[in-house]
């Protein structure tokens, strides 16, 4: 199937061994790496729709979450990049394409490989 619509990926870093500051640092480092990729349309942190009362930040961000948008032609390359960089780290990946959504969780390199395969199959369908 060929469409001109972009694929949205939401990546949640949920390593229980890291505190919220460390998860946030991890996601910010990963965003910096992703911004080096020409294939991405956008990549950024996810704004908190309900920031805490008295929050001084403009909007605030959800800790350990990032969202990337890529066109269908470059989705395979992005998913391969995720596999290379995030193997062995617990993450949750939500893929949204053509009005459908797939959410997968991975806690090991093998689970991440299976999750990325499921995401690739989902995008190709």
C-alpha atoms as a PDB file:
ATOM      1  CA  UNK A   1       0.000   0.000   0.000  1.00  0.00           C
ATOM      2  CA  UNK A   2       1.380   3.395  -0.914  1.00  0.00           C
ATOM      3  CA  UNK A   3       0.170   6.520   0.826  1.00  0.00           C
ATOM      4  CA  UNK A   4       1.556   9.962   1.385  1.00  0.00           C
ATOM      5  CA  UNK A   5       0.668   9.950   5.067  1.00  0.00           C
ATOM      6  CA  UNK A   6       3.372  10.010   7.705  1.00  0.00           C
ATOM      7  CA  UNK A   7       3.876   7.448  10.434  1.00  0.00           C
ATOM      8  CA  UNK A   8       3.938   8.661  14.026  1.00  0.00           C
ATOM      9  CA  UNK A   9       6.048   6.830  16.580  1.00  0.00           C
ATOM     10  CA  UNK A  10       5.808   7.451  20.296  1.00  0.00           C
ATOM     11  CA  UNK A  11       8.687   5.988  22.280  1.00  0.00           C
ATOM     12  CA  UNK A  12       8.475   5.631  26.049  1.00  0.00           C
ATOM     13  CA  UNK A  13      11.669   4.986  27.982  1.00  0.00           C
ATOM     14  CA  UNK A  14      10.438   3.032  31.008  1.00  0.00           C
ATOM     15  CA  UNK A  15      13.562   1.507  32.522  1.00  0.00           C
ATOM     16  CA  UNK A  16      12.671   0.818  36.191  1.00  0.00           C
ATOM     17  CA  UNK A  17      16.364   1.160  37.131  1.00  0.00           C
ATOM     18  CA  UNK A  18      16.364   4.839  36.129  1.00  0.00           C
ATOM     19  CA  UNK A  19      14.749   7.700  38.015  1.00  0.00           C
ATOM     20  CA  UNK A  20      12.646  10.251  36.142  1.00  0.00           C
ATOM     21  CA  UNK A  21      15.605  12.632  35.624  1.00  0.00           C
ATOM     22  CA  UNK A  22      17.713   9.816  34.132  1.00  0.00           C
ATOM     23  CA  UNK A  23      14.856   8.705  31.841  1.00  0.00           C
ATOM     24  CA  UNK A  24      14.432  12.295  30.732  1.00  0.00           C
ATOM     25  CA  UNK A  25      18.181  12.600  30.027  1.00  0.00           C
ATOM     26  CA  UNK A  26      18.040   9.351  28.048  1.00  0.00           C
ATOM     27  CA  UNK A  27      15.154  10.607  25.913  1.00  0.00           C
ATOM     28  CA  UNK A  28      16.853  13.975  25.319  1.00  0.00           C
ATOM     29  CA  UNK A  29      20.083  12.264  24.181  1.00  0.00           C
ATOM     30  CA  UNK A  30      18.063  10.039  21.875  1.00  0.00           C
ATOM     31  CA  UNK A  31      16.203  13.041  20.428  1.00  0.00           C
ATOM     32  CA  UNK A  32      19.564  14.679  19.655  1.00  0.00           C
ATOM     33  CA  UNK A  33      20.636  11.517  17.787  1.00  0.00           C
ATOM     34  CA  UNK A  34      17.344  11.313  15.880  1.00  0.00           C
ATOM     35  CA  UNK A  35      17.576  14.970  14.839  1.00  0.00           C
ATOM     36  CA  UNK A  36      20.759  14.032  12.939  1.00  0.00           C
ATOM     37  CA  UNK A  37      18.696  11.756  10.665  1.00  0.00           C
ATOM     38  CA  UNK A  38      17.553  13.459   7.451  1.00  0.00           C
ATOM     39  CA  UNK A  39      14.756  10.895   7.061  1.00  0.00           C
ATOM     40  CA  UNK A  40      12.668  12.219   9.963  1.00  0.00           C
ATOM     41  CA  UNK A  41       9.981  14.816   9.450  1.00  0.00           C
ATOM     42  CA  UNK A  42       9.862  15.785  13.155  1.00  0.00           C
ATOM     43  CA  UNK A  43      11.112  14.533  16.523  1.00  0.00           C
ATOM     44  CA  UNK A  44      10.505  16.075  19.910  1.00  0.00           C
ATOM     45  CA  UNK A  45       9.493  15.517  23.504  1.00  0.00           C
ATOM     46  CA  UNK A  46       5.810  15.002  24.299  1.00  0.00           C
ATOM     47  CA  UNK A  47       4.046  17.950  25.934  1.00  0.00           C
ATOM     48  CA  UNK A  48       2.157  17.213  29.141  1.00  0.00           C
ATOM     49  CA  UNK A  49      -1.532  17.884  28.440  1.00  0.00           C
ATOM     50  CA  UNK A  50      -2.146  18.322  32.203  1.00  0.00           C
ATOM     51  CA  UNK A  51       0.920  19.999  33.739  1.00  0.00           C
ATOM     52  CA  UNK A  52       1.075  20.016  37.548  1.00  0.00           C
ATOM     53  CA  UNK A  53      -0.401  22.977  39.412  1.00  0.00           C
ATOM     54  CA  UNK A  54       2.219  25.711  39.791  1.00  0.00           C
ATOM     55  CA  UNK A  55       4.427  24.324  36.999  1.00  0.00           C
ATOM     56  CA  UNK A  56       6.851  27.090  36.028  1.00  0.00           C
ATOM     57  CA  UNK A  57       7.790  25.528  32.682  1.00  0.00           C
ATOM     58  CA  UNK A  58       5.809  26.541  29.646  1.00  0.00           C
ATOM     59  CA  UNK A  59       3.616  23.499  29.138  1.00  0.00           C
ATOM     60  CA  UNK A  60       5.988  20.942  30.637  1.00  0.00           C
ATOM     61  CA  UNK A  61       6.938  17.616  29.099  1.00  0.00           C
ATOM     62  CA  UNK A  62       6.071  14.024  29.904  1.00  0.00           C
ATOM     63  CA  UNK A  63       9.190  12.353  31.326  1.00  0.00           C
ATOM     64  CA  UNK A  64      10.875   9.745  29.151  1.00  0.00           C
ATOM     65  CA  UNK A  65       8.538  10.197  26.166  1.00  0.00           C
ATOM     66  CA  UNK A  66       9.356  11.326  22.673  1.00  0.00           C
ATOM     67  CA  UNK A  67       7.447  11.432  19.419  1.00  0.00           C
ATOM     68  CA  UNK A  68       8.875  11.113  15.929  1.00  0.00           C
ATOM     69  CA  UNK A  69       7.185  11.462  12.563  1.00  0.00           C
ATOM     70  CA  UNK A  70       8.556   9.866   9.426  1.00  0.00           C
ATOM     71  CA  UNK A  71       7.215   9.206   5.948  1.00  0.00           C
ATOM     72  CA  UNK A  72       6.364   5.645   4.948  1.00  0.00           C
ATOM     73  CA  UNK A  73       9.427   5.299   2.710  1.00  0.00           C
ATOM     74  CA  UNK A  74      11.798   6.043   5.618  1.00  0.00           C
ATOM     75  CA  UNK A  75       9.963   4.121   8.351  1.00  0.00           C
ATOM     76  CA  UNK A  76      12.054   0.948   7.904  1.00  0.00           C
ATOM     77  CA  UNK A  77      15.288   2.914   8.346  1.00  0.00           C
ATOM     78  CA  UNK A  78      14.001   4.571  11.526  1.00  0.00           C
ATOM     79  CA  UNK A  79      12.851   1.235  12.973  1.00  0.00           C
ATOM     80  CA  UNK A  80      16.268  -0.271  12.208  1.00  0.00           C
ATOM     81  CA  UNK A  81      17.924   2.684  13.946  1.00  0.00           C
ATOM     82  CA  UNK A  82      15.719   2.091  17.003  1.00  0.00           C
ATOM     83  CA  UNK A  83      16.750  -1.564  17.093  1.00  0.00           C
ATOM     84  CA  UNK A  84      20.440  -0.651  16.932  1.00  0.00           C
ATOM     85  CA  UNK A  85      20.226   2.013  19.652  1.00  0.00           C
ATOM     86  CA  UNK A  86      17.643   0.610  22.048  1.00  0.00           C
ATOM     87  CA  UNK A  87      18.302  -3.131  22.073  1.00  0.00           C
ATOM     88  CA  UNK A  88      18.294  -4.373  25.655  1.00  0.00           C
ATOM     89  CA  UNK A  89      16.531  -1.293  27.080  1.00  0.00           C
ATOM     90  CA  UNK A  90      12.927  -1.533  28.255  1.00  0.00           C
ATOM     91  CA  UNK A  91      10.743   0.655  26.037  1.00  0.00           C
ATOM     92  CA  UNK A  92       7.200   0.985  24.793  1.00  0.00           C
ATOM     93  CA  UNK A  93       6.677   1.843  21.138  1.00  0.00           C
ATOM     94  CA  UNK A  94       3.391   3.119  19.702  1.00  0.00           C
ATOM     95  CA  UNK A  95       3.105   3.245  15.908  1.00  0.00           C
ATOM     96  CA  UNK A  96       0.289   5.164  14.239  1.00  0.00           C
ATOM     97  CA  UNK A  97      -0.244   4.854  10.488  1.00  0.00           C
ATOM     98  CA  UNK A  98      -3.223   5.146   8.161  1.00  0.00           C
ATOM     99  CA  UNK A  99      -5.591   5.786  11.061  1.00  0.00           C
ATOM    100  CA  UNK A 100      -4.524   2.591  12.891  1.00  0.00           C
ATOM    101  CA  UNK A 101      -2.415   2.276  16.024  1.00  0.00           C
ATOM    102  CA  UNK A 102      -0.130  -0.498  17.281  1.00  0.00           C
ATOM    103  CA  UNK A 103       1.500  -0.493  20.721  1.00  0.00           C
ATOM    104  CA  UNK A 104       4.283  -2.917  21.632  1.00  0.00           C
ATOM    105  CA  UNK A 105       6.482  -3.279  24.719  1.00  0.00           C
ATOM    106  CA  UNK A 106       9.985  -4.672  24.860  1.00  0.00           C
ATOM    107  CA  UNK A 107      12.243  -5.488  27.799  1.00  0.00           C
ATOM    108  CA  UNK A 108      15.119  -7.209  25.983  1.00  0.00           C
ATOM    109  CA  UNK A 109      16.932  -7.117  22.663  1.00  0.00           C
ATOM    110  CA  UNK A 110      14.923 -10.146  21.454  1.00  0.00           C
ATOM    111  CA  UNK A 111      11.601  -8.568  22.446  1.00  0.00           C
ATOM    112  CA  UNK A 112      12.622  -5.301  20.785  1.00  0.00           C
ATOM    113  CA  UNK A 113      13.517  -7.157  17.574  1.00  0.00           C
ATOM    114  CA  UNK A 114      10.075  -8.841  17.639  1.00  0.00           C
ATOM    115  CA  UNK A 115       8.375  -5.509  18.402  1.00  0.00           C
ATOM    116  CA  UNK A 116      10.182  -3.766  15.547  1.00  0.00           C
ATOM    117  CA  UNK A 117       9.272  -6.626  13.190  1.00  0.00           C
ATOM    118  CA  UNK A 118       5.615  -6.260  14.255  1.00  0.00           C
ATOM    119  CA  UNK A 119       5.842  -2.497  13.691  1.00  0.00           C
ATOM    120  CA  UNK A 120       7.426  -2.981  10.253  1.00  0.00           C
ATOM    121  CA  UNK A 121       4.718  -5.472   9.261  1.00  0.00           C
ATOM    122  CA  UNK A 122       2.064  -3.083  10.581  1.00  0.00           C
ATOM    123  CA  UNK A 123       3.480  -0.163   8.574  1.00  0.00           C
ATOM    124  CA  UNK A 124       3.745  -2.287   5.417  1.00  0.00           C
ATOM    125  CA  UNK A 125       0.126  -3.530   5.688  1.00  0.00           C
END
